[in-house]
Amino acid sequence: MSEDHTQLVNINTASQDALDAVGSLAGHGYEIVRYREERGGFTALRQLDEVPGLSGKVDDATRACLTL
């Protein structure tokens, strides 16, 4: 049995608070929610680099906690 009980955070449905609680997304939940409301849902995790303030800041450890 795996001891990793971490639940993935869906960047297309998560609240601002839920996004703020994930690694290098901390403090950027508002921008992520605003981006997806203006442009529609994300189709790839790499699109987080298009969110103002996040370009190049989302590390692999954070991406491992995310889903679409």
PDB file of N, CA and C in Angstrom:
ATOM      1  N   MET A   1       0.842  -1.192   0.000  1.00  0.00           N
ATOM      2  CA  MET A   1       0.000   0.000   0.000  1.00  0.00           C
ATOM      3  C   MET A   1       0.877   1.241   0.000  1.00  0.00           C
ATOM      4  N   SER A   2       0.551   2.185  -0.847  1.00  0.00           N
ATOM      5  CA  SER A   2       1.316   3.416  -0.932  1.00  0.00           C
ATOM      6  C   SER A   2       1.029   4.314   0.255  1.00  0.00           C
ATOM      7  N   GLU A   3       2.074   5.010   0.711  1.00  0.00           N
ATOM      8  CA  GLU A   3       1.894   5.937   1.816  1.00  0.00           C
ATOM      9  C   GLU A   3       1.634   7.357   1.319  1.00  0.00           C
ATOM     10  N   ASP A   4       1.626   7.545   0.015  1.00  0.00           N
ATOM     11  CA  ASP A   4       1.365   8.861  -0.552  1.00  0.00           C
ATOM     12  C   ASP A   4      -0.140   9.038  -0.702  1.00  0.00           C
ATOM     13  N   HIS A   5      -0.709   9.872   0.152  1.00  0.00           N
ATOM     14  CA  HIS A   5      -2.143  10.103   0.139  1.00  0.00           C
ATOM     15  C   HIS A   5      -2.480  11.462  -0.455  1.00  0.00           C
ATOM     16  N   THR A   6      -1.548  12.030  -1.172  1.00  0.00           N
ATOM     17  CA  THR A   6      -1.747  13.336  -1.762  1.00  0.00           C
ATOM     18  C   THR A   6      -2.775  13.245  -2.872  1.00  0.00           C
ATOM     19  N   GLN A   7      -3.720  14.162  -2.847  1.00  0.00           N
ATOM     20  CA  GLN A   7      -4.728  14.216  -3.888  1.00  0.00           C
ATOM     21  C   GLN A   7      -4.310  15.271  -4.903  1.00  0.00           C
ATOM     22  N   LEU A   8      -4.433  14.945  -6.174  1.00  0.00           N
ATOM     23  CA  LEU A   8      -4.069  15.887  -7.224  1.00  0.00           C
ATOM     24  C   LEU A   8      -5.052  17.047  -7.258  1.00  0.00           C
ATOM     25  N   VAL A   9      -4.546  18.232  -7.579  1.00  0.00           N
ATOM     26  CA  VAL A   9      -5.368  19.428  -7.682  1.00  0.00           C
ATOM     27  C   VAL A   9      -5.640  19.686  -9.164  1.00  0.00           C
ATOM     28  N   ASN A  10      -6.911  19.772  -9.517  1.00  0.00           N
ATOM     29  CA  ASN A  10      -7.302  20.015 -10.899  1.00  0.00           C
ATOM     30  C   ASN A  10      -7.270  21.517 -11.158  1.00  0.00           C
ATOM     31  N   ILE A  11      -6.386  21.943 -12.044  1.00  0.00           N
ATOM     32  CA  ILE A  11      -6.232  23.385 -12.283  1.00  0.00           C
ATOM     33  C   ILE A  11      -7.409  23.977 -13.046  1.00  0.00           C
ATOM     34  N   ASN A  12      -8.284  23.151 -13.577  1.00  0.00           N
ATOM     35  CA  ASN A  12      -9.466  23.646 -14.273  1.00  0.00           C
ATOM     36  C   ASN A  12     -10.674  23.818 -13.359  1.00  0.00           C
ATOM     37  N   THR A  13     -10.618  23.240 -12.176  1.00  0.00           N
ATOM     38  CA  THR A  13     -11.782  23.306 -11.288  1.00  0.00           C
ATOM     39  C   THR A  13     -11.454  23.790  -9.873  1.00  0.00           C
ATOM     40  N   ALA A  14     -10.196  23.819  -9.513  1.00  0.00           N
ATOM     41  CA  ALA A  14      -9.806  24.174  -8.143  1.00  0.00           C
ATOM     42  C   ALA A  14     -10.098  25.640  -7.834  1.00  0.00           C
ATOM     43  N   SER A  15     -10.411  25.889  -6.579  1.00  0.00           N
ATOM     44  CA  SER A  15     -10.640  27.254  -6.118  1.00  0.00           C
ATOM     45  C   SER A  15      -9.309  27.998  -5.990  1.00  0.00           C
ATOM     46  N   GLN A  16      -9.404  29.292  -5.850  1.00  0.00           N
ATOM     47  CA  GLN A  16      -8.213  30.116  -5.649  1.00  0.00           C
ATOM     48  C   GLN A  16      -7.442  29.634  -4.427  1.00  0.00           C
ATOM     49  N   ASP A  17      -8.140  29.357  -3.336  1.00  0.00           N
ATOM     50  CA  ASP A  17      -7.475  28.912  -2.110  1.00  0.00           C
ATOM     51  C   ASP A  17      -6.771  27.579  -2.298  1.00  0.00           C
ATOM     52  N   ALA A  18      -7.406  26.663  -3.014  1.00  0.00           N
ATOM     53  CA  ALA A  18      -6.787  25.353  -3.257  1.00  0.00           C
ATOM     54  C   ALA A  18      -5.527  25.497  -4.093  1.00  0.00           C
ATOM     55  N   LEU A  19      -5.559  26.372  -5.079  1.00  0.00           N
ATOM     56  CA  LEU A  19      -4.383  26.591  -5.924  1.00  0.00           C
ATOM     57  C   LEU A  19      -3.269  27.274  -5.140  1.00  0.00           C
ATOM     58  N   ASP A  20      -3.624  28.224  -4.287  1.00  0.00           N
ATOM     59  CA  ASP A  20      -2.628  28.919  -3.465  1.00  0.00           C
ATOM     60  C   ASP A  20      -1.895  27.967  -2.518  1.00  0.00           C
ATOM     61  N   ALA A  21      -2.508  26.834  -2.216  1.00  0.00           N
ATOM     62  CA  ALA A  21      -1.923  25.886  -1.268  1.00  0.00           C
ATOM     63  C   ALA A  21      -0.940  24.914  -1.910  1.00  0.00           C
ATOM     64  N   VAL A  22      -0.719  25.029  -3.223  1.00  0.00           N
ATOM     65  CA  VAL A  22       0.131  24.075  -3.938  1.00  0.00           C
ATOM     66  C   VAL A  22       1.483  24.690  -4.287  1.00  0.00           C
ATOM     67  N   GLY A  23       2.515  24.225  -3.630  1.00  0.00           N
ATOM     68  CA  GLY A  23       3.908  24.551  -3.952  1.00  0.00           C
ATOM     69  C   GLY A  23       4.153  25.921  -4.534  1.00  0.00           C
ATOM     70  N   SER A  24       4.729  25.940  -5.728  1.00  0.00           N
ATOM     71  CA  SER A  24       5.133  27.200  -6.353  1.00  0.00           C
ATOM     72  C   SER A  24       3.962  28.000  -6.921  1.00  0.00           C
ATOM     73  N   LEU A  25       2.730  27.526  -6.744  1.00  0.00           N
ATOM     74  CA  LEU A  25       1.556  28.300  -7.157  1.00  0.00           C
ATOM     75  C   LEU A  25       1.119  29.270  -6.061  1.00  0.00           C
ATOM     76  N   ALA A  26       1.676  29.135  -4.877  1.00  0.00           N
ATOM     77  CA  ALA A  26       1.273  29.958  -3.725  1.00  0.00           C
ATOM     78  C   ALA A  26       1.255  31.435  -4.091  1.00  0.00           C
ATOM     79  N   GLY A  27       0.114  32.069  -3.819  1.00  0.00           N
ATOM     80  CA  GLY A  27      -0.035  33.484  -4.104  1.00  0.00           C
ATOM     81  C   GLY A  27      -0.466  33.795  -5.527  1.00  0.00           C
ATOM     82  N   HIS A  28      -0.650  32.759  -6.349  1.00  0.00           N
ATOM     83  CA  HIS A  28      -1.020  32.969  -7.748  1.00  0.00           C
ATOM     84  C   HIS A  28      -2.377  32.362  -8.090  1.00  0.00           C
ATOM     85  N   GLY A  29      -3.101  31.902  -7.089  1.00  0.00           N
ATOM     86  CA  GLY A  29      -4.412  31.299  -7.332  1.00  0.00           C
ATOM     87  C   GLY A  29      -5.358  32.227  -8.063  1.00  0.00           C
ATOM     88  N   TYR A  30      -5.376  33.491  -7.670  1.00  0.00           N
ATOM     89  CA  TYR A  30      -6.265  34.460  -8.311  1.00  0.00           C
ATOM     90  C   TYR A  30      -5.959  34.571  -9.807  1.00  0.00           C
ATOM     91  N   GLU A  31      -4.679  34.678 -10.154  1.00  0.00           N
ATOM     92  CA  GLU A  31      -4.300  34.818 -11.558  1.00  0.00           C
ATOM     93  C   GLU A  31      -4.662  33.579 -12.369  1.00  0.00           C
ATOM     94  N   ILE A  32      -4.520  32.412 -11.760  1.00  0.00           N
ATOM     95  CA  ILE A  32      -4.850  31.163 -12.460  1.00  0.00           C
ATOM     96  C   ILE A  32      -6.354  31.093 -12.725  1.00  0.00           C
ATOM     97  N   VAL A  33      -7.156  31.396 -11.720  1.00  0.00           N
ATOM     98  CA  VAL A  33      -8.612  31.369 -11.888  1.00  0.00           C
ATOM     99  C   VAL A  33      -9.039  32.408 -12.928  1.00  0.00           C
ATOM    100  N   ARG A  34      -8.482  33.584 -12.853  1.00  0.00           N
ATOM    101  CA  ARG A  34      -8.813  34.638 -13.812  1.00  0.00           C
ATOM    102  C   ARG A  34      -8.442  34.211 -15.240  1.00  0.00           C
ATOM    103  N   TYR A  35      -7.255  33.635 -15.397  1.00  0.00           N
ATOM    104  CA  TYR A  35      -6.796  33.174 -16.713  1.00  0.00           C
ATOM    105  C   TYR A  35      -7.789  32.175 -17.295  1.00  0.00           C
ATOM    106  N   ARG A  36      -8.187  31.179 -16.514  1.00  0.00           N
ATOM    107  CA  ARG A  36      -9.079  30.145 -17.065  1.00  0.00           C
ATOM    108  C   ARG A  36     -10.485  30.690 -17.307  1.00  0.00           C
ATOM    109  N   GLU A  37     -10.928  31.670 -16.536  1.00  0.00           N
ATOM    110  CA  GLU A  37     -12.232  32.284 -16.788  1.00  0.00           C
ATOM    111  C   GLU A  37     -12.218  33.096 -18.076  1.00  0.00           C
ATOM    112  N   GLU A  38     -11.109  33.751 -18.356  1.00  0.00           N
ATOM    113  CA  GLU A  38     -11.001  34.583 -19.555  1.00  0.00           C
ATOM    114  C   GLU A  38     -10.727  33.776 -20.818  1.00  0.00           C
ATOM    115  N   ARG A  39      -9.963  32.695 -20.702  1.00  0.00           N
ATOM    116  CA  ARG A  39      -9.512  31.967 -21.889  1.00  0.00           C
ATOM    117  C   ARG A  39     -10.032  30.546 -21.987  1.00  0.00           C
ATOM    118  N   GLY A  40     -10.785  30.117 -21.011  1.00  0.00           N
ATOM    119  CA  GLY A  40     -11.255  28.740 -21.011  1.00  0.00           C
ATOM    120  C   GLY A  40     -10.305  27.856 -20.233  1.00  0.00           C
ATOM    121  N   GLY A  41     -10.648  26.597 -20.106  1.00  0.00           N
ATOM    122  CA  GLY A  41      -9.841  25.682 -19.322  1.00  0.00           C
ATOM    123  C   GLY A  41      -8.477  25.404 -19.919  1.00  0.00           C
ATOM    124  N   PHE A  42      -7.612  24.944 -19.075  1.00  0.00           N
ATOM    125  CA  PHE A  42      -6.273  24.546 -19.494  1.00  0.00           C
ATOM    126  C   PHE A  42      -6.352  23.218 -20.233  1.00  0.00           C
ATOM    127  N   THR A  43      -5.518  23.048 -21.243  1.00  0.00           N
ATOM    128  CA  THR A  43      -5.440  21.778 -21.967  1.00  0.00           C
ATOM    129  C   THR A  43      -4.104  21.078 -21.724  1.00  0.00           C
ATOM    130  N   ALA A  44      -3.169  21.783 -21.081  1.00  0.00           N
ATOM    131  CA  ALA A  44      -1.863  21.225 -20.740  1.00  0.00           C
ATOM    132  C   ALA A  44      -1.313  21.972 -19.528  1.00  0.00           C
ATOM    133  N   LEU A  45      -0.601  21.261 -18.669  1.00  0.00           N
ATOM    134  CA  LEU A  45      -0.028  21.897 -17.484  1.00  0.00           C
ATOM    135  C   LEU A  45       0.974  22.988 -17.852  1.00  0.00           C
ATOM    136  N   ARG A  46       1.640  22.845 -18.990  1.00  0.00           N
ATOM    137  CA  ARG A  46       2.629  23.843 -19.423  1.00  0.00           C
ATOM    138  C   ARG A  46       1.992  25.214 -19.672  1.00  0.00           C
ATOM    139  N   GLN A  47       0.679  25.250 -19.869  1.00  0.00           N
ATOM    140  CA  GLN A  47      -0.004  26.525 -20.074  1.00  0.00           C
ATOM    141  C   GLN A  47       0.074  27.419 -18.833  1.00  0.00           C
ATOM    142  N   LEU A  48       0.412  26.864 -17.693  1.00  0.00           N
ATOM    143  CA  LEU A  48       0.571  27.688 -16.492  1.00  0.00           C
ATOM    144  C   LEU A  48       1.641  28.755 -16.710  1.00  0.00           C
ATOM    145  N   ASP A  49       2.584  28.477 -17.598  1.00  0.00           N
ATOM    146  CA  ASP A  49       3.628  29.462 -17.911  1.00  0.00           C
ATOM    147  C   ASP A  49       3.059  30.707 -18.590  1.00  0.00           C
ATOM    148  N   GLU A  50       1.837  30.614 -19.127  1.00  0.00           N
ATOM    149  CA  GLU A  50       1.187  31.745 -19.778  1.00  0.00           C
ATOM    150  C   GLU A  50       0.453  32.649 -18.784  1.00  0.00           C
ATOM    151  N   VAL A  51       0.275  32.165 -17.563  1.00  0.00           N
ATOM    152  CA  VAL A  51      -0.415  32.946 -16.534  1.00  0.00           C
ATOM    153  C   VAL A  51       0.527  34.046 -16.049  1.00  0.00           C
ATOM    154  N   PRO A  52       0.042  35.294 -16.029  1.00  0.00           N
ATOM    155  CA  PRO A  52       0.901  36.393 -15.567  1.00  0.00           C
ATOM    156  C   PRO A  52       1.519  36.105 -14.192  1.00  0.00           C
ATOM    157  N   GLY A  53       2.837  36.262 -14.121  1.00  0.00           N
ATOM    158  CA  GLY A  53       3.554  36.042 -12.881  1.00  0.00           C
ATOM    159  C   GLY A  53       4.073  34.636 -12.667  1.00  0.00           C
ATOM    160  N   LEU A  54       3.677  33.699 -13.518  1.00  0.00           N
ATOM    161  CA  LEU A  54       4.101  32.308 -13.331  1.00  0.00           C
ATOM    162  C   LEU A  54       5.132  31.810 -14.336  1.00  0.00           C
ATOM    163  N   SER A  55       5.407  32.536 -15.356  1.00  0.00           N
ATOM    164  CA  SER A  55       6.326  32.078 -16.392  1.00  0.00           C
ATOM    165  C   SER A  55       7.652  31.614 -15.800  1.00  0.00           C
ATOM    166  N   GLY A  56       7.948  30.326 -15.990  1.00  0.00           N
ATOM    167  CA  GLY A  56       9.200  29.752 -15.516  1.00  0.00           C
ATOM    168  C   GLY A  56       9.269  29.476 -14.027  1.00  0.00           C
ATOM    169  N   LYS A  57       8.181  29.699 -13.290  1.00  0.00           N
ATOM    170  CA  LYS A  57       8.205  29.533 -11.835  1.00  0.00           C
ATOM    171  C   LYS A  57       7.594  28.221 -11.345  1.00  0.00           C
ATOM    172  N   VAL A  58       6.855  27.529 -12.199  1.00  0.00           N
ATOM    173  CA  VAL A  58       6.206  26.297 -11.773  1.00  0.00           C
ATOM    174  C   VAL A  58       7.192  25.148 -11.898  1.00  0.00           C
ATOM    175  N   ASP A  59       7.606  24.608 -10.761  1.00  0.00           N
ATOM    176  CA  ASP A  59       8.614  23.550 -10.768  1.00  0.00           C
ATOM    177  C   ASP A  59       7.978  22.171 -10.968  1.00  0.00           C
ATOM    178  N   ASP A  60       8.829  21.183 -11.211  1.00  0.00           N
ATOM    179  CA  ASP A  60       8.355  19.826 -11.467  1.00  0.00           C
ATOM    180  C   ASP A  60       7.619  19.234 -10.277  1.00  0.00           C
ATOM    181  N   ALA A  61       8.045  19.559  -9.060  1.00  0.00           N
ATOM    182  CA  ALA A  61       7.377  19.048  -7.862  1.00  0.00           C
ATOM    183  C   ALA A  61       5.943  19.559  -7.795  1.00  0.00           C
ATOM    184  N   THR A  62       5.738  20.802  -8.177  1.00  0.00           N
ATOM    185  CA  THR A  62       4.386  21.361  -8.188  1.00  0.00           C
ATOM    186  C   THR A  62       3.560  20.719  -9.290  1.00  0.00           C
ATOM    187  N   ARG A  63       4.138  20.599 -10.484  1.00  0.00           N
ATOM    188  CA  ARG A  63       3.415  19.972 -11.607  1.00  0.00           C
ATOM    189  C   ARG A  63       2.971  18.549 -11.249  1.00  0.00           C
ATOM    190  N   ALA A  64       3.747  17.853 -10.455  1.00  0.00           N
ATOM    191  CA  ALA A  64       3.401  16.484 -10.055  1.00  0.00           C
ATOM    192  C   ALA A  64       2.164  16.434  -9.167  1.00  0.00           C
ATOM    193  N   CYS A  65       1.774  17.564  -8.599  1.00  0.00           N
ATOM    194  CA  CYS A  65       0.598  17.645  -7.723  1.00  0.00           C
ATOM    195  C   CYS A  65      -0.650  18.090  -8.472  1.00  0.00           C
ATOM    196  N   LEU A  66      -0.512  18.339  -9.770  1.00  0.00           N
ATOM    197  CA  LEU A  66      -1.597  18.926 -10.552  1.00  0.00           C
ATOM    198  C   LEU A  66      -2.138  17.969 -11.589  1.00  0.00           C
ATOM    199  N   THR A  67      -3.375  18.222 -11.980  1.00  0.00           N
ATOM    200  CA  THR A  67      -4.022  17.479 -13.060  1.00  0.00           C
ATOM    201  C   THR A  67      -4.945  18.433 -13.802  1.00  0.00           C
ATOM    202  N   LEU A  68      -5.474  17.952 -14.935  1.00  0.00           N
ATOM    203  CA  LEU A  68      -6.417  18.747 -15.741  1.00  0.00           C
ATOM    204  C   LEU A  68      -7.807  18.213 -15.557  1.00  0.00           C
TER     205      LEU A  68
END
